[in-house]
Amino acid sequence: MRMSFYAVAIPLLLSVFLQAQTKGSFHEVSVCGKSAVHQTVLINDDRQHSISLDQRPCTSREPIGIGRLEGTEYVTYGVDDVQNGRSIDRGYAVGTMANGDRYFLAYNGTATMNGNAPEYLEGTWTFTGGTGRLKQLKGGGTYAAHPTADGGMEFVIEGKYELP
């Protein structure tokens, strides 16, 4: 009887350990340069209204760390709906890790505008997947950003992740 218990319990425990997930959190600081692609369309209503499509390359100063992988850079692709000094932002980012694996995320946020330029951004984001070791990446977090003197943006990104 005791032997059959161990014969069942040991493989069961091993399968639990082998399927264990890697969980963690991170803090990243990055700088996004001027837009590589930027197109704005003015909307002819009475709300100082425009919609912009934007693509920005970003470099990590304090890189994202997921598992044992470290991020190097990412590119954001966003749509900004600007009305009366505020913006509603939605978009995506594709990040590259030092080993070449990539992660994908979607974000939603708001910005306070100073004329046509963002003065302060904040929002939330969610991982939508990845490649290689990040293929089943899950998680999310928050971001905040402010402009830099050279026309770029400095981002502080915080989040949690889970890998199978």
Protein backbone atom coordinates (compact mmCIF):
# COMPACT_ATOMS: atom_id res chain seq x y z
CA MET A 1 0.00 0.00 0.00
CA ARG A 2 2.73 2.43 0.96
CA MET A 3 4.69 1.64 -2.23
CA SER A 4 1.68 2.41 -4.48
CA PHE A 5 1.21 5.79 -2.71
CA TYR A 6 4.81 6.75 -3.52
CA ALA A 7 4.47 5.42 -7.05
CA VAL A 8 1.62 7.89 -7.61
CA ALA A 9 2.78 10.80 -5.43
CA ILE A 10 6.33 11.18 -6.74
CA PRO A 11 5.41 11.49 -10.45
CA LEU A 12 2.59 13.86 -9.52
CA LEU A 13 4.92 16.12 -7.54
CA LEU A 14 7.51 16.06 -10.33
CA SER A 15 4.92 17.13 -12.89
CA VAL A 16 3.90 20.06 -10.67
CA PHE A 17 7.53 21.21 -10.37
CA LEU A 18 8.16 20.80 -14.10
CA GLN A 19 5.11 22.91 -14.92
CA ALA A 20 6.03 25.65 -12.46
CA GLN A 21 5.76 29.15 -13.75
CA THR A 22 8.29 31.94 -13.57
CA LYS A 23 6.79 35.09 -12.10
CA GLY A 24 8.41 38.41 -11.46
CA SER A 25 8.20 42.16 -11.53
CA PHE A 26 10.34 44.86 -13.08
CA HIS A 27 11.03 48.58 -13.27
CA GLU A 28 12.32 50.02 -16.54
CA VAL A 29 13.46 53.51 -17.51
CA SER A 30 13.72 54.19 -21.23
CA VAL A 31 14.04 57.09 -23.62
CA CYS A 32 12.01 57.28 -26.81
CA GLY A 33 13.42 59.49 -29.53
CA LYS A 34 11.55 61.77 -31.88
CA SER A 35 8.88 60.10 -33.97
CA ALA A 36 10.21 58.03 -36.86
CA VAL A 37 6.72 58.23 -38.39
CA HIS A 38 4.19 60.91 -37.48
CA GLN A 39 1.01 61.88 -39.29
CA THR A 40 -1.64 64.21 -37.87
CA VAL A 41 -5.11 64.84 -39.26
CA LEU A 42 -7.02 67.86 -37.99
CA ILE A 43 -10.71 67.34 -37.35
CA ASN A 44 -12.85 70.31 -38.31
CA ASP A 45 -14.97 70.57 -35.18
CA ASP A 46 -14.95 73.06 -32.31
CA ARG A 47 -12.77 71.10 -29.85
CA GLN A 48 -9.17 71.74 -31.01
CA HIS A 49 -9.34 68.16 -32.22
CA SER A 50 -6.82 65.99 -34.08
CA ILE A 51 -5.88 62.35 -34.51
CA SER A 52 -2.23 61.32 -34.89
CA LEU A 53 -0.45 58.14 -35.88
CA ASP A 54 2.99 57.84 -34.33
CA GLN A 55 5.96 55.43 -34.36
CA ARG A 56 8.87 55.94 -31.95
CA PRO A 57 12.09 53.99 -31.37
CA CYS A 58 12.99 53.59 -27.68
CA THR A 59 16.19 52.60 -25.89
CA SER A 60 16.36 51.14 -22.40
CA ARG A 61 18.50 53.00 -19.84
CA GLU A 62 17.42 50.71 -17.00
CA PRO A 63 16.31 47.66 -19.02
CA ILE A 64 13.28 45.46 -18.57
CA GLY A 65 14.15 42.06 -17.13
CA ILE A 66 11.90 39.09 -17.84
CA GLY A 67 13.06 35.80 -16.39
CA ARG A 68 16.77 35.81 -17.08
CA LEU A 69 16.44 37.91 -20.24
CA GLU A 70 17.27 41.61 -20.45
CA GLY A 71 15.63 44.06 -22.82
CA THR A 72 17.58 46.35 -25.13
CA GLU A 73 15.07 48.39 -27.14
CA TYR A 74 11.47 48.64 -28.27
CA VAL A 75 9.33 50.47 -30.81
CA THR A 76 5.94 52.00 -30.02
CA TYR A 77 3.11 52.35 -32.51
CA GLY A 78 0.31 54.60 -31.31
CA VAL A 79 -2.84 56.51 -32.17
CA ASP A 80 -3.50 59.70 -30.22
CA ASP A 81 -6.92 61.40 -30.13
CA VAL A 82 -6.26 64.97 -28.97
CA GLN A 83 -9.08 67.25 -27.82
CA ASN A 84 -8.94 70.45 -25.76
CA GLY A 85 -5.46 69.93 -24.30
CA ARG A 86 -5.89 66.22 -23.45
CA SER A 87 -5.12 63.09 -25.42
CA ILE A 88 -6.45 59.55 -25.30
CA ASP A 89 -3.67 57.22 -26.44
CA ARG A 90 -3.83 53.65 -27.61
CA GLY A 91 -1.18 51.52 -29.22
CA TYR A 92 1.29 48.70 -29.24
CA ALA A 93 4.96 48.08 -28.56
CA VAL A 94 7.39 45.45 -29.80
CA GLY A 95 10.45 44.96 -27.60
CA THR A 96 13.68 43.11 -28.26
CA MET A 97 15.65 41.20 -25.65
CA ALA A 98 19.45 40.78 -25.71
CA ASN A 99 19.10 37.20 -27.05
CA GLY A 100 16.79 38.31 -29.92
CA ASP A 101 13.50 37.15 -28.40
CA ARG A 102 10.71 39.71 -28.69
CA TYR A 103 7.75 40.68 -26.53
CA PHE A 104 4.51 42.34 -27.61
CA LEU A 105 2.24 44.59 -25.60
CA ALA A 106 -0.82 46.81 -25.96
CA TYR A 107 -1.28 50.06 -24.05
CA ASN A 108 -4.01 52.56 -23.21
CA GLY A 109 -3.42 55.92 -21.59
CA THR A 110 -3.94 59.64 -21.45
CA ALA A 111 -1.74 62.66 -21.94
CA THR A 112 -1.84 66.27 -20.86
CA MET A 113 -0.86 68.44 -23.82
CA ASN A 114 1.16 71.65 -23.99
CA GLY A 115 0.09 72.93 -27.38
CA ASN A 116 0.81 70.13 -29.83
CA ALA A 117 3.32 68.35 -27.58
CA PRO A 118 2.59 65.93 -24.73
CA GLU A 119 3.53 67.28 -21.30
CA TYR A 120 2.79 64.19 -19.22
CA LEU A 121 1.60 60.70 -20.18
CA GLU A 122 0.30 57.85 -18.04
CA GLY A 123 -1.52 54.61 -18.59
CA THR A 124 -1.67 50.86 -18.38
CA TRP A 125 -0.35 48.09 -20.60
CA THR A 126 -0.73 44.33 -21.06
CA PHE A 127 1.62 41.77 -22.62
CA THR A 128 -0.01 40.16 -25.66
CA GLY A 129 2.67 37.55 -26.38
CA GLY A 130 6.20 37.08 -27.58
CA THR A 131 8.67 34.89 -29.44
CA GLY A 132 11.18 32.26 -28.32
CA ARG A 133 11.27 31.93 -24.52
CA LEU A 134 8.65 34.71 -24.29
CA LYS A 135 6.09 32.96 -26.49
CA GLN A 136 3.46 32.54 -23.74
CA LEU A 137 4.32 35.73 -21.84
CA LYS A 138 1.52 37.22 -19.72
CA GLY A 139 1.34 40.22 -17.41
CA GLY A 140 0.91 43.94 -17.37
CA GLY A 141 1.51 47.16 -15.51
CA THR A 142 1.65 50.93 -15.68
CA TYR A 143 3.69 53.65 -17.35
CA ALA A 144 4.34 57.36 -16.92
CA ALA A 145 6.35 59.67 -19.18
CA HIS A 146 7.49 63.23 -19.62
CA PRO A 147 9.26 65.06 -22.47
CA THR A 148 13.04 65.36 -22.74
CA ALA A 149 14.89 68.50 -23.84
CA ASP A 150 15.64 67.01 -27.28
CA GLY A 151 11.99 66.34 -28.19
CA GLY A 152 11.86 62.73 -27.04
CA MET A 153 10.07 61.15 -24.08
CA GLU A 154 11.41 59.48 -20.93
CA PHE A 155 9.29 56.56 -19.74
CA VAL A 156 9.14 54.83 -16.37
CA ILE A 157 7.49 51.44 -16.83
CA GLU A 158 6.51 49.06 -14.04
CA GLY A 159 4.96 45.66 -14.33
CA LYS A 160 4.61 42.02 -13.52
CA TYR A 161 5.11 39.03 -15.78
CA GLU A 162 4.40 35.33 -15.87
CA LEU A 163 6.05 32.67 -18.04
CA PRO A 164 5.12 28.99 -18.13
